[in-house]
């Protein structure tokens, strides 16, 4: 038997709350569009229970389900704003302090042999 992922069994409080908020927001968007769970499930090709799990913020729900739900409601463009590097103030501050613009730290190639 495979070991259970501890993140799924007991996610950090912030993760759990973020998933619940995302699920609630998706549910609100679905209801505002007057779409049933069955309609959205059929559109993205999953069982209606999967939609319920996502709307409740169940940690084991895959990101593809959330992306599909956003797409089904015309909100897929919002997914691209998650973890946007231009909105990551802490990351930009750390990168600036380290003098880096990107990961890797490779030196530029030269022609000296």
N, C-alpha and C. Protein backbone atom coordinates (compact mmCIF):
# COMPACT_ATOMS: atom_id res chain seq x y z
N UNK A 1 0.83 -1.18 0.00
CA UNK A 1 0.00 0.00 0.00
C UNK A 1 0.88 1.24 0.00
N UNK A 2 0.56 2.20 -0.85
CA UNK A 2 1.35 3.42 -0.97
C UNK A 2 1.16 4.30 0.26
N UNK A 3 2.22 5.00 0.61
CA UNK A 3 2.14 5.92 1.75
C UNK A 3 1.26 7.11 1.37
N UNK A 4 0.45 7.53 2.32
CA UNK A 4 -0.45 8.67 2.08
C UNK A 4 0.34 9.96 2.17
N UNK A 5 0.06 10.88 1.28
CA UNK A 5 0.72 12.17 1.26
C UNK A 5 0.27 12.98 2.48
N UNK A 6 1.20 13.39 3.35
CA UNK A 6 0.81 14.13 4.55
C UNK A 6 0.15 15.48 4.22
N UNK A 7 0.48 16.05 3.08
CA UNK A 7 -0.15 17.32 2.70
C UNK A 7 -1.64 17.13 2.44
N UNK A 8 -2.02 15.96 1.94
CA UNK A 8 -3.43 15.68 1.70
C UNK A 8 -4.15 15.32 2.99
N UNK A 9 -3.46 14.62 3.88
CA UNK A 9 -4.07 14.17 5.13
C UNK A 9 -4.26 15.32 6.11
N UNK A 10 -3.25 16.19 6.19
CA UNK A 10 -3.31 17.30 7.15
C UNK A 10 -2.57 18.50 6.58
N UNK A 11 -3.21 19.21 5.64
CA UNK A 11 -2.53 20.37 5.04
C UNK A 11 -2.34 21.48 6.06
N UNK A 12 -1.33 22.34 5.86
CA UNK A 12 -1.19 23.50 6.74
C UNK A 12 -2.48 24.33 6.70
N UNK A 13 -2.76 24.99 7.79
CA UNK A 13 -4.00 25.75 7.93
C UNK A 13 -4.19 26.73 6.75
N UNK A 14 -3.13 27.44 6.38
CA UNK A 14 -3.23 28.41 5.30
C UNK A 14 -3.60 27.75 3.98
N UNK A 15 -3.05 26.57 3.73
CA UNK A 15 -3.36 25.83 2.51
C UNK A 15 -4.82 25.39 2.53
N UNK A 16 -5.25 24.86 3.65
CA UNK A 16 -6.63 24.40 3.80
C UNK A 16 -7.61 25.56 3.57
N UNK A 17 -7.32 26.70 4.15
CA UNK A 17 -8.20 27.86 4.01
C UNK A 17 -8.20 28.39 2.57
N UNK A 18 -7.04 28.40 1.93
CA UNK A 18 -6.96 28.86 0.54
C UNK A 18 -7.77 27.96 -0.39
N UNK A 19 -7.71 26.66 -0.16
CA UNK A 19 -8.48 25.72 -0.98
C UNK A 19 -9.98 25.90 -0.75
N UNK A 20 -10.36 26.11 0.49
CA UNK A 20 -11.78 26.32 0.79
C UNK A 20 -12.27 27.63 0.16
N UNK A 21 -11.46 28.65 0.21
CA UNK A 21 -11.83 29.93 -0.41
C UNK A 21 -11.95 29.78 -1.92
N UNK A 22 -10.98 29.10 -2.54
CA UNK A 22 -11.04 28.88 -3.98
C UNK A 22 -12.29 28.10 -4.35
N UNK A 23 -12.58 27.05 -3.62
CA UNK A 23 -13.78 26.25 -3.88
C UNK A 23 -15.05 27.07 -3.75
N UNK A 24 -15.12 27.88 -2.70
CA UNK A 24 -16.30 28.72 -2.49
C UNK A 24 -16.45 29.75 -3.60
N UNK A 25 -15.33 30.30 -4.05
CA UNK A 25 -15.37 31.27 -5.14
C UNK A 25 -15.84 30.64 -6.45
N UNK A 26 -15.38 29.41 -6.69
CA UNK A 26 -15.81 28.69 -7.89
C UNK A 26 -17.29 28.37 -7.81
N UNK A 27 -17.75 27.98 -6.65
CA UNK A 27 -19.18 27.70 -6.47
C UNK A 27 -20.01 28.96 -6.73
N UNK A 28 -19.58 30.08 -6.19
CA UNK A 28 -20.28 31.34 -6.41
C UNK A 28 -20.34 31.68 -7.89
N UNK A 29 -19.22 31.51 -8.59
CA UNK A 29 -19.18 31.78 -10.03
C UNK A 29 -20.14 30.86 -10.79
N UNK A 30 -20.19 29.59 -10.39
CA UNK A 30 -21.09 28.64 -11.05
C UNK A 30 -22.55 29.03 -10.83
N UNK A 31 -22.88 29.36 -9.60
CA UNK A 31 -24.26 29.73 -9.28
C UNK A 31 -24.66 31.03 -9.98
N UNK A 32 -23.77 31.99 -10.06
CA UNK A 32 -24.08 33.25 -10.74
C UNK A 32 -24.36 33.02 -12.22
N UNK A 33 -23.75 31.99 -12.78
CA UNK A 33 -23.98 31.65 -14.19
C UNK A 33 -25.17 30.71 -14.36
N UNK A 34 -25.81 30.39 -13.26
CA UNK A 34 -26.98 29.51 -13.25
C UNK A 34 -26.65 28.14 -13.87
N UNK A 35 -25.47 27.63 -13.52
CA UNK A 35 -25.05 26.32 -14.01
C UNK A 35 -25.19 25.30 -12.89
N UNK A 36 -25.69 24.13 -13.22
CA UNK A 36 -25.79 23.06 -12.23
C UNK A 36 -24.45 22.33 -12.14
N UNK A 37 -24.28 21.61 -11.06
CA UNK A 37 -23.08 20.78 -10.91
C UNK A 37 -23.01 19.78 -12.05
N UNK A 38 -24.14 19.19 -12.41
CA UNK A 38 -24.16 18.19 -13.49
C UNK A 38 -23.74 18.81 -14.82
N UNK A 39 -24.18 20.04 -15.11
CA UNK A 39 -23.80 20.70 -16.37
C UNK A 39 -22.29 20.95 -16.44
N UNK A 40 -21.75 21.46 -15.35
CA UNK A 40 -20.31 21.76 -15.33
C UNK A 40 -19.51 20.45 -15.38
N UNK A 41 -19.96 19.44 -14.66
CA UNK A 41 -19.27 18.15 -14.68
C UNK A 41 -19.24 17.57 -16.09
N UNK A 42 -20.37 17.65 -16.79
CA UNK A 42 -20.42 17.13 -18.16
C UNK A 42 -19.50 17.92 -19.08
N UNK A 43 -19.44 19.22 -18.88
CA UNK A 43 -18.61 20.07 -19.75
C UNK A 43 -17.13 19.75 -19.62
N UNK A 44 -16.68 19.45 -18.39
CA UNK A 44 -15.26 19.15 -18.23
C UNK A 44 -14.96 17.65 -18.17
N UNK A 45 -16.01 16.84 -18.24
CA UNK A 45 -15.83 15.40 -18.36
C UNK A 45 -15.48 14.66 -17.08
N UNK A 46 -16.07 15.09 -15.97
CA UNK A 46 -15.83 14.40 -14.70
C UNK A 46 -17.17 14.09 -14.04
N UNK A 47 -17.11 13.29 -12.99
CA UNK A 47 -18.30 12.97 -12.21
C UNK A 47 -18.70 14.18 -11.38
N UNK A 48 -19.99 14.31 -11.11
CA UNK A 48 -20.46 15.47 -10.36
C UNK A 48 -19.90 15.53 -8.95
N UNK A 49 -19.51 14.39 -8.39
CA UNK A 49 -18.91 14.37 -7.05
C UNK A 49 -17.57 15.10 -7.03
N UNK A 50 -16.86 15.06 -8.15
CA UNK A 50 -15.58 15.74 -8.26
C UNK A 50 -15.79 17.26 -8.14
N UNK A 51 -16.86 17.74 -8.75
CA UNK A 51 -17.16 19.17 -8.67
C UNK A 51 -17.46 19.55 -7.22
N UNK A 52 -18.24 18.73 -6.54
CA UNK A 52 -18.54 18.97 -5.14
C UNK A 52 -17.29 18.99 -4.28
N UNK A 53 -16.37 18.06 -4.54
CA UNK A 53 -15.11 18.03 -3.80
C UNK A 53 -14.32 19.33 -4.02
N UNK A 54 -14.27 19.78 -5.26
CA UNK A 54 -13.54 21.02 -5.57
C UNK A 54 -14.17 22.21 -4.89
N UNK A 55 -15.49 22.28 -4.93
CA UNK A 55 -16.18 23.42 -4.32
C UNK A 55 -16.06 23.42 -2.80
N UNK A 56 -15.78 22.28 -2.20
CA UNK A 56 -15.56 22.22 -0.76
C UNK A 56 -14.08 22.40 -0.41
N UNK A 57 -13.23 22.47 -1.43
CA UNK A 57 -11.80 22.66 -1.19
C UNK A 57 -11.09 21.42 -0.71
N UNK A 58 -11.53 20.26 -1.16
CA UNK A 58 -10.90 18.99 -0.77
C UNK A 58 -9.45 18.97 -1.27
N UNK A 59 -8.47 18.76 -0.39
CA UNK A 59 -7.06 18.84 -0.78
C UNK A 59 -6.62 17.87 -1.88
N UNK A 60 -7.30 16.74 -2.02
CA UNK A 60 -6.88 15.77 -3.03
C UNK A 60 -7.40 16.10 -4.43
N UNK A 61 -8.20 17.14 -4.56
CA UNK A 61 -8.69 17.53 -5.88
C UNK A 61 -7.53 18.08 -6.70
N UNK A 62 -7.36 17.53 -7.89
CA UNK A 62 -6.24 17.94 -8.74
C UNK A 62 -6.41 19.33 -9.33
N UNK A 63 -5.28 19.95 -9.61
CA UNK A 63 -5.32 21.30 -10.16
C UNK A 63 -5.98 21.33 -11.53
N UNK A 64 -5.93 20.23 -12.27
CA UNK A 64 -6.59 20.19 -13.57
C UNK A 64 -8.10 20.35 -13.42
N UNK A 65 -8.65 19.87 -12.32
CA UNK A 65 -10.09 20.03 -12.08
C UNK A 65 -10.40 21.51 -11.87
N UNK A 66 -9.60 22.17 -11.03
CA UNK A 66 -9.81 23.60 -10.81
C UNK A 66 -9.64 24.39 -12.11
N UNK A 67 -8.63 24.05 -12.90
CA UNK A 67 -8.42 24.73 -14.18
C UNK A 67 -9.60 24.48 -15.10
N UNK A 68 -10.11 23.25 -15.14
CA UNK A 68 -11.27 22.95 -15.96
C UNK A 68 -12.51 23.71 -15.53
N UNK A 69 -12.70 23.83 -14.23
CA UNK A 69 -13.85 24.58 -13.71
C UNK A 69 -13.75 26.05 -14.10
N UNK A 70 -12.57 26.61 -13.95
CA UNK A 70 -12.39 28.01 -14.35
C UNK A 70 -12.65 28.18 -15.84
N UNK A 71 -12.15 27.25 -16.64
CA UNK A 71 -12.38 27.30 -18.09
C UNK A 71 -13.86 27.21 -18.41
N UNK A 72 -14.56 26.32 -17.75
CA UNK A 72 -15.99 26.11 -18.02
C UNK A 72 -16.81 27.37 -17.75
N UNK A 73 -16.29 28.23 -16.91
CA UNK A 73 -17.02 29.45 -16.57
C UNK A 73 -16.40 30.70 -17.18
N UNK A 74 -15.45 30.49 -18.10
CA UNK A 74 -14.83 31.63 -18.77
C UNK A 74 -13.85 32.40 -17.90
N UNK A 75 -13.28 31.73 -16.92
CA UNK A 75 -12.37 32.39 -15.99
C UNK A 75 -10.95 31.83 -16.05
N UNK A 76 -10.63 31.07 -17.08
CA UNK A 76 -9.33 30.40 -17.16
C UNK A 76 -8.17 31.39 -17.15
N UNK A 77 -8.37 32.59 -17.66
CA UNK A 77 -7.29 33.58 -17.70
C UNK A 77 -6.83 33.96 -16.29
N UNK A 78 -7.70 33.81 -15.30
CA UNK A 78 -7.33 34.14 -13.92
C UNK A 78 -6.30 33.18 -13.34
N UNK A 79 -6.26 31.97 -13.86
CA UNK A 79 -5.30 30.99 -13.36
C UNK A 79 -3.87 31.44 -13.65
N UNK A 80 -3.67 32.13 -14.75
CA UNK A 80 -2.35 32.62 -15.11
C UNK A 80 -1.81 33.67 -14.16
N UNK A 81 -2.66 34.26 -13.35
CA UNK A 81 -2.22 35.28 -12.41
C UNK A 81 -1.77 34.69 -11.07
N UNK A 82 -2.00 33.40 -10.89
CA UNK A 82 -1.57 32.75 -9.65
C UNK A 82 -0.04 32.69 -9.64
N UNK A 83 0.56 33.16 -8.58
CA UNK A 83 2.02 33.18 -8.41
C UNK A 83 2.72 33.99 -9.50
N UNK A 84 2.05 35.02 -9.99
CA UNK A 84 2.65 35.90 -10.99
C UNK A 84 3.94 36.51 -10.43
N UNK A 85 5.06 36.32 -11.11
CA UNK A 85 6.33 36.86 -10.60
C UNK A 85 6.30 38.37 -10.38
N UNK A 86 5.51 39.08 -11.15
CA UNK A 86 5.44 40.53 -10.99
C UNK A 86 4.65 40.93 -9.75
N UNK A 87 3.89 40.01 -9.18
CA UNK A 87 3.14 40.27 -7.95
C UNK A 87 3.85 39.73 -6.71
N UNK A 88 4.97 39.08 -6.90
CA UNK A 88 5.71 38.45 -5.81
C UNK A 88 6.72 39.44 -5.24
N UNK A 89 6.25 40.32 -4.36
CA UNK A 89 7.11 41.36 -3.80
C UNK A 89 8.28 40.77 -3.01
N UNK A 90 8.01 39.76 -2.21
CA UNK A 90 9.10 39.14 -1.43
C UNK A 90 10.14 38.52 -2.34
N UNK A 91 9.69 37.80 -3.36
CA UNK A 91 10.62 37.18 -4.30
C UNK A 91 11.46 38.20 -5.05
N UNK A 92 10.83 39.30 -5.47
CA UNK A 92 11.58 40.34 -6.17
C UNK A 92 12.61 40.99 -5.26
N UNK A 93 12.25 41.21 -4.00
CA UNK A 93 13.18 41.79 -3.05
C UNK A 93 14.36 40.87 -2.81
N UNK A 94 14.09 39.58 -2.63
CA UNK A 94 15.18 38.62 -2.44
C UNK A 94 16.08 38.52 -3.66
N UNK A 95 15.50 38.50 -4.84
CA UNK A 95 16.30 38.41 -6.06
C UNK A 95 17.18 39.65 -6.24
N UNK A 96 16.62 40.79 -5.92
CA UNK A 96 17.38 42.04 -6.05
C UNK A 96 18.54 42.06 -5.05
N UNK A 97 18.28 41.59 -3.83
CA UNK A 97 19.33 41.55 -2.81
C UNK A 97 20.45 40.59 -3.20
N UNK A 98 20.11 39.53 -3.91
CA UNK A 98 21.11 38.54 -4.34
C UNK A 98 21.73 38.90 -5.68
N UNK A 99 21.22 39.94 -6.32
CA UNK A 99 21.74 40.34 -7.62
C UNK A 99 21.43 39.37 -8.73
N UNK A 100 20.27 38.68 -8.63
CA UNK A 100 19.89 37.69 -9.64
C UNK A 100 18.56 38.07 -10.27
N UNK A 101 18.46 37.77 -11.55
CA UNK A 101 17.19 37.94 -12.25
C UNK A 101 16.52 36.60 -12.50
N UNK A 102 17.30 35.50 -12.46
CA UNK A 102 16.74 34.18 -12.71
C UNK A 102 17.57 33.14 -11.98
N UNK A 103 17.03 31.95 -11.87
CA UNK A 103 17.71 30.86 -11.18
C UNK A 103 18.82 30.29 -12.03
N UNK A 104 19.71 29.57 -11.43
CA UNK A 104 20.75 28.85 -12.15
C UNK A 104 22.14 29.35 -11.82
N UNK A 105 22.35 30.64 -11.97
CA UNK A 105 23.63 31.21 -11.63
C UNK A 105 24.77 30.82 -12.56
N UNK A 106 24.49 30.41 -13.78
CA UNK A 106 25.54 30.06 -14.74
C UNK A 106 26.24 31.32 -15.23
N UNK A 107 27.54 31.19 -15.45
CA UNK A 107 28.30 32.30 -15.99
C UNK A 107 28.12 32.32 -17.51
N UNK A 108 28.25 33.52 -18.05
CA UNK A 108 28.15 33.65 -19.51
C UNK A 108 29.34 32.95 -20.17
N UNK A 109 29.12 32.36 -21.32
CA UNK A 109 30.19 31.69 -22.06
C UNK A 109 31.07 32.72 -22.73
N UNK A 110 32.35 32.41 -22.79
CA UNK A 110 33.26 33.29 -23.53
C UNK A 110 34.02 32.47 -24.56
N UNK A 111 34.79 33.13 -25.37
CA UNK A 111 35.51 32.46 -26.46
C UNK A 111 36.97 32.17 -26.11
N UNK A 112 37.37 32.36 -24.86
CA UNK A 112 38.74 32.10 -24.46
C UNK A 112 38.94 30.61 -24.17
N UNK A 113 39.94 30.00 -24.84
CA UNK A 113 40.21 28.58 -24.64
C UNK A 113 41.53 28.39 -23.98
